[in-house]
């Protein structure tokens, strides 16, 4: 599917408008996206993929300051949906892990990203838009 750039104020107008008043034909009615809101339940947070980058990295709905506030220096792990791997460390960049391994880091805008070094997290880890993962905090996890 080709990427389409849309002027944001135009989208806001279309979402809130009476469609009969739009002076051009509408091919699809704009819809508000529904994303999982990251909320802490016990020692777990369910996070949702907001979008994927061109290289297939997954951008999640969790910012660095919120992660640090909720983490409160506890050990953590991201439980990935399609593999028996977990991530228990935040790195500065994708290349800090060997090829063929997943990596978590905070990217542009301080949003959590999960990537796959040497490939696509979307393809190899199943992390596509609106997919959810579990973030667990536990003082008893091994560091």
C-alpha atoms as a PDB file:
ATOM      1  CA  UNK A   1       0.000   0.000   0.000  1.00  0.00           C
ATOM      2  CA  UNK A   2       1.589   3.337  -0.980  1.00  0.00           C
ATOM      3  CA  UNK A   3       2.119   5.971   1.673  1.00  0.00           C
ATOM      4  CA  UNK A   4      -0.185   8.961   1.428  1.00  0.00           C
ATOM      5  CA  UNK A   5       0.740  12.310   2.927  1.00  0.00           C
ATOM      6  CA  UNK A   6      -2.238  14.269   4.188  1.00  0.00           C
ATOM      7  CA  UNK A   7      -2.276  17.796   5.538  1.00  0.00           C
ATOM      8  CA  UNK A   8      -3.188  17.307   9.236  1.00  0.00           C
ATOM      9  CA  UNK A   9      -5.624  20.267   9.538  1.00  0.00           C
ATOM     10  CA  UNK A  10      -7.490  18.890   6.506  1.00  0.00           C
ATOM     11  CA  UNK A  11      -7.851  15.510   8.214  1.00  0.00           C
ATOM     12  CA  UNK A  12      -9.105  17.168  11.405  1.00  0.00           C
ATOM     13  CA  UNK A  13     -11.679  19.065   9.342  1.00  0.00           C
ATOM     14  CA  UNK A  14     -12.809  15.899   7.572  1.00  0.00           C
ATOM     15  CA  UNK A  15     -13.117  13.892  10.807  1.00  0.00           C
ATOM     16  CA  UNK A  16     -15.356  16.483  12.442  1.00  0.00           C
ATOM     17  CA  UNK A  17     -17.265  17.562   9.327  1.00  0.00           C
ATOM     18  CA  UNK A  18     -20.693  16.815   7.997  1.00  0.00           C
ATOM     19  CA  UNK A  19     -19.700  14.720   4.983  1.00  0.00           C
ATOM     20  CA  UNK A  20     -22.547  16.144   2.890  1.00  0.00           C
ATOM     21  CA  UNK A  21     -20.886  19.580   3.116  1.00  0.00           C
ATOM     22  CA  UNK A  22     -17.524  18.457   1.650  1.00  0.00           C
ATOM     23  CA  UNK A  23     -17.156  19.989  -1.869  1.00  0.00           C
ATOM     24  CA  UNK A  24     -15.372  16.969  -3.388  1.00  0.00           C
ATOM     25  CA  UNK A  25     -16.108  13.237  -3.547  1.00  0.00           C
ATOM     26  CA  UNK A  26     -14.968  11.222  -0.543  1.00  0.00           C
ATOM     27  CA  UNK A  27     -13.623   7.756  -1.352  1.00  0.00           C
ATOM     28  CA  UNK A  28     -13.472   6.653   2.291  1.00  0.00           C
ATOM     29  CA  UNK A  29     -14.846   8.170   5.459  1.00  0.00           C
ATOM     30  CA  UNK A  30     -11.971   9.120   7.788  1.00  0.00           C
ATOM     31  CA  UNK A  31     -11.898   7.108  10.998  1.00  0.00           C
ATOM     32  CA  UNK A  32     -10.281   7.858  14.298  1.00  0.00           C
ATOM     33  CA  UNK A  33      -7.624   5.292  15.126  1.00  0.00           C
ATOM     34  CA  UNK A  34      -8.120   3.202  18.230  1.00  0.00           C
ATOM     35  CA  UNK A  35      -4.907   2.460  20.071  1.00  0.00           C
ATOM     36  CA  UNK A  36      -4.278   0.639  23.294  1.00  0.00           C
ATOM     37  CA  UNK A  37      -3.612   3.146  26.057  1.00  0.00           C
ATOM     38  CA  UNK A  38      -0.643   1.916  28.105  1.00  0.00           C
ATOM     39  CA  UNK A  39      -1.921   1.357  31.612  1.00  0.00           C
ATOM     40  CA  UNK A  40      -0.250  -0.348  34.534  1.00  0.00           C
ATOM     41  CA  UNK A  41      -2.152  -3.347  35.895  1.00  0.00           C
ATOM     42  CA  UNK A  42      -0.265  -4.947  38.743  1.00  0.00           C
ATOM     43  CA  UNK A  43       3.284  -5.284  37.422  1.00  0.00           C
ATOM     44  CA  UNK A  44       2.368  -5.309  33.710  1.00  0.00           C
ATOM     45  CA  UNK A  45       1.656  -2.837  30.938  1.00  0.00           C
ATOM     46  CA  UNK A  46       0.087  -3.709  27.595  1.00  0.00           C
ATOM     47  CA  UNK A  47       1.651  -1.612  24.837  1.00  0.00           C
ATOM     48  CA  UNK A  48       0.441  -1.114  21.277  1.00  0.00           C
ATOM     49  CA  UNK A  49       2.366  -0.514  18.063  1.00  0.00           C
ATOM     50  CA  UNK A  50       1.469   2.953  16.765  1.00  0.00           C
ATOM     51  CA  UNK A  51       3.202   2.492  13.419  1.00  0.00           C
ATOM     52  CA  UNK A  52       6.147   0.919  11.660  1.00  0.00           C
ATOM     53  CA  UNK A  53       9.135   2.754  10.229  1.00  0.00           C
ATOM     54  CA  UNK A  54      10.376   2.225   6.663  1.00  0.00           C
ATOM     55  CA  UNK A  55      12.826  -0.430   7.903  1.00  0.00           C
ATOM     56  CA  UNK A  56      10.094  -2.293   9.813  1.00  0.00           C
ATOM     57  CA  UNK A  57      10.888  -1.109  13.345  1.00  0.00           C
ATOM     58  CA  UNK A  58       7.849  -0.846  15.600  1.00  0.00           C
ATOM     59  CA  UNK A  59       7.079   2.438  17.368  1.00  0.00           C
ATOM     60  CA  UNK A  60       5.059   1.974  20.554  1.00  0.00           C
ATOM     61  CA  UNK A  61       2.748   4.217  22.546  1.00  0.00           C
ATOM     62  CA  UNK A  62       5.175   4.574  25.460  1.00  0.00           C
ATOM     63  CA  UNK A  63       7.475   7.528  26.008  1.00  0.00           C
ATOM     64  CA  UNK A  64      10.776   7.406  27.865  1.00  0.00           C
ATOM     65  CA  UNK A  65       9.682   9.551  30.822  1.00  0.00           C
ATOM     66  CA  UNK A  66       6.581   7.390  31.420  1.00  0.00           C
ATOM     67  CA  UNK A  67       8.659   4.198  31.161  1.00  0.00           C
ATOM     68  CA  UNK A  68      11.168   5.515  33.715  1.00  0.00           C
ATOM     69  CA  UNK A  69       8.413   6.710  36.069  1.00  0.00           C
ATOM     70  CA  UNK A  70       6.578   3.378  36.032  1.00  0.00           C
ATOM     71  CA  UNK A  71       9.736   1.278  36.036  1.00  0.00           C
ATOM     72  CA  UNK A  72      10.997   2.895  39.241  1.00  0.00           C
ATOM     73  CA  UNK A  73      14.373   1.099  38.852  1.00  0.00           C
ATOM     74  CA  UNK A  74      12.745  -2.347  38.766  1.00  0.00           C
ATOM     75  CA  UNK A  75      13.947  -5.024  36.350  1.00  0.00           C
ATOM     76  CA  UNK A  76      11.697  -5.393  33.303  1.00  0.00           C
ATOM     77  CA  UNK A  77      11.132  -7.459  30.191  1.00  0.00           C
ATOM     78  CA  UNK A  78       9.237  -6.995  26.969  1.00  0.00           C
ATOM     79  CA  UNK A  79       7.450 -10.221  26.018  1.00  0.00           C
ATOM     80  CA  UNK A  80       7.355 -10.467  22.236  1.00  0.00           C
ATOM     81  CA  UNK A  81       4.348 -12.092  20.530  1.00  0.00           C
ATOM     82  CA  UNK A  82       5.844 -14.419  17.946  1.00  0.00           C
ATOM     83  CA  UNK A  83       9.140 -15.635  19.353  1.00  0.00           C
ATOM     84  CA  UNK A  84      10.457 -17.180  22.526  1.00  0.00           C
ATOM     85  CA  UNK A  85      12.617 -14.124  23.040  1.00  0.00           C
ATOM     86  CA  UNK A  86      12.262 -11.286  25.437  1.00  0.00           C
ATOM     87  CA  UNK A  87      14.048  -7.993  25.754  1.00  0.00           C
ATOM     88  CA  UNK A  88      15.230  -6.938  29.203  1.00  0.00           C
ATOM     89  CA  UNK A  89      17.435  -3.976  28.385  1.00  0.00           C
ATOM     90  CA  UNK A  90      17.077  -0.621  26.654  1.00  0.00           C
ATOM     91  CA  UNK A  91      19.886   0.148  24.212  1.00  0.00           C
ATOM     92  CA  UNK A  92      20.956   3.416  22.618  1.00  0.00           C
ATOM     93  CA  UNK A  93      20.873   2.046  19.060  1.00  0.00           C
ATOM     94  CA  UNK A  94      19.987  -1.040  17.000  1.00  0.00           C
ATOM     95  CA  UNK A  95      23.629  -1.894  16.302  1.00  0.00           C
ATOM     96  CA  UNK A  96      24.353  -2.524  19.990  1.00  0.00           C
ATOM     97  CA  UNK A  97      23.043  -6.092  19.664  1.00  0.00           C
ATOM     98  CA  UNK A  98      24.298  -8.860  17.347  1.00  0.00           C
ATOM     99  CA  UNK A  99      22.650  -9.408  13.961  1.00  0.00           C
ATOM    100  CA  UNK A 100      19.446 -11.398  14.168  1.00  0.00           C
ATOM    101  CA  UNK A 101      18.394 -10.196  17.624  1.00  0.00           C
ATOM    102  CA  UNK A 102      15.617  -7.837  18.709  1.00  0.00           C
ATOM    103  CA  UNK A 103      16.494  -4.571  20.416  1.00  0.00           C
ATOM    104  CA  UNK A 104      14.538  -1.914  22.339  1.00  0.00           C
ATOM    105  CA  UNK A 105      15.519   1.757  22.338  1.00  0.00           C
ATOM    106  CA  UNK A 106      13.938   5.185  22.590  1.00  0.00           C
ATOM    107  CA  UNK A 107      13.872   6.823  19.169  1.00  0.00           C
ATOM    108  CA  UNK A 108      12.692  10.185  17.824  1.00  0.00           C
ATOM    109  CA  UNK A 109      10.259  11.913  20.146  1.00  0.00           C
ATOM    110  CA  UNK A 110      11.428   9.583  22.956  1.00  0.00           C
ATOM    111  CA  UNK A 111       8.946   6.885  21.866  1.00  0.00           C
ATOM    112  CA  UNK A 112       9.829   3.261  22.554  1.00  0.00           C
ATOM    113  CA  UNK A 113      10.937   1.392  19.450  1.00  0.00           C
ATOM    114  CA  UNK A 114      11.614  -2.283  18.985  1.00  0.00           C
ATOM    115  CA  UNK A 115      13.737  -3.225  16.004  1.00  0.00           C
ATOM    116  CA  UNK A 116      15.381  -6.354  14.653  1.00  0.00           C
ATOM    117  CA  UNK A 117      19.067  -5.951  13.888  1.00  0.00           C
ATOM    118  CA  UNK A 118      19.547  -6.978  10.286  1.00  0.00           C
ATOM    119  CA  UNK A 119      15.853  -7.243   9.469  1.00  0.00           C
ATOM    120  CA  UNK A 120      12.336  -6.036  10.071  1.00  0.00           C
ATOM    121  CA  UNK A 121      10.611  -6.250  13.465  1.00  0.00           C
ATOM    122  CA  UNK A 122       7.342  -6.135  11.550  1.00  0.00           C
ATOM    123  CA  UNK A 123       8.288  -9.169   9.477  1.00  0.00           C
ATOM    124  CA  UNK A 124      10.363 -11.266  11.896  1.00  0.00           C
ATOM    125  CA  UNK A 125       8.678 -10.404  15.196  1.00  0.00           C
ATOM    126  CA  UNK A 126       5.108  -9.793  14.032  1.00  0.00           C
ATOM    127  CA  UNK A 127       5.154  -6.238  15.383  1.00  0.00           C
ATOM    128  CA  UNK A 128       2.772  -4.505  13.009  1.00  0.00           C
ATOM    129  CA  UNK A 129       0.379  -1.604  13.617  1.00  0.00           C
ATOM    130  CA  UNK A 130      -1.983  -2.102  16.573  1.00  0.00           C
ATOM    131  CA  UNK A 131      -0.254  -5.340  17.652  1.00  0.00           C
ATOM    132  CA  UNK A 132       0.217  -5.479  21.420  1.00  0.00           C
ATOM    133  CA  UNK A 133       3.037  -6.698  23.625  1.00  0.00           C
ATOM    134  CA  UNK A 134       3.406  -7.060  27.368  1.00  0.00           C
ATOM    135  CA  UNK A 135       5.912  -5.088  29.427  1.00  0.00           C
ATOM    136  CA  UNK A 136       6.479  -6.726  32.815  1.00  0.00           C
ATOM    137  CA  UNK A 137       8.100  -5.099  35.829  1.00  0.00           C
ATOM    138  CA  UNK A 138       9.239  -7.366  38.603  1.00  0.00           C
ATOM    139  CA  UNK A 139      11.690  -6.881  41.454  1.00  0.00           C
ATOM    140  CA  UNK A 140      12.404 -10.642  41.338  1.00  0.00           C
ATOM    141  CA  UNK A 141      13.423 -10.858  37.667  1.00  0.00           C
ATOM    142  CA  UNK A 142      17.100 -11.596  37.124  1.00  0.00           C
ATOM    143  CA  UNK A 143      18.992  -8.646  35.699  1.00  0.00           C
END
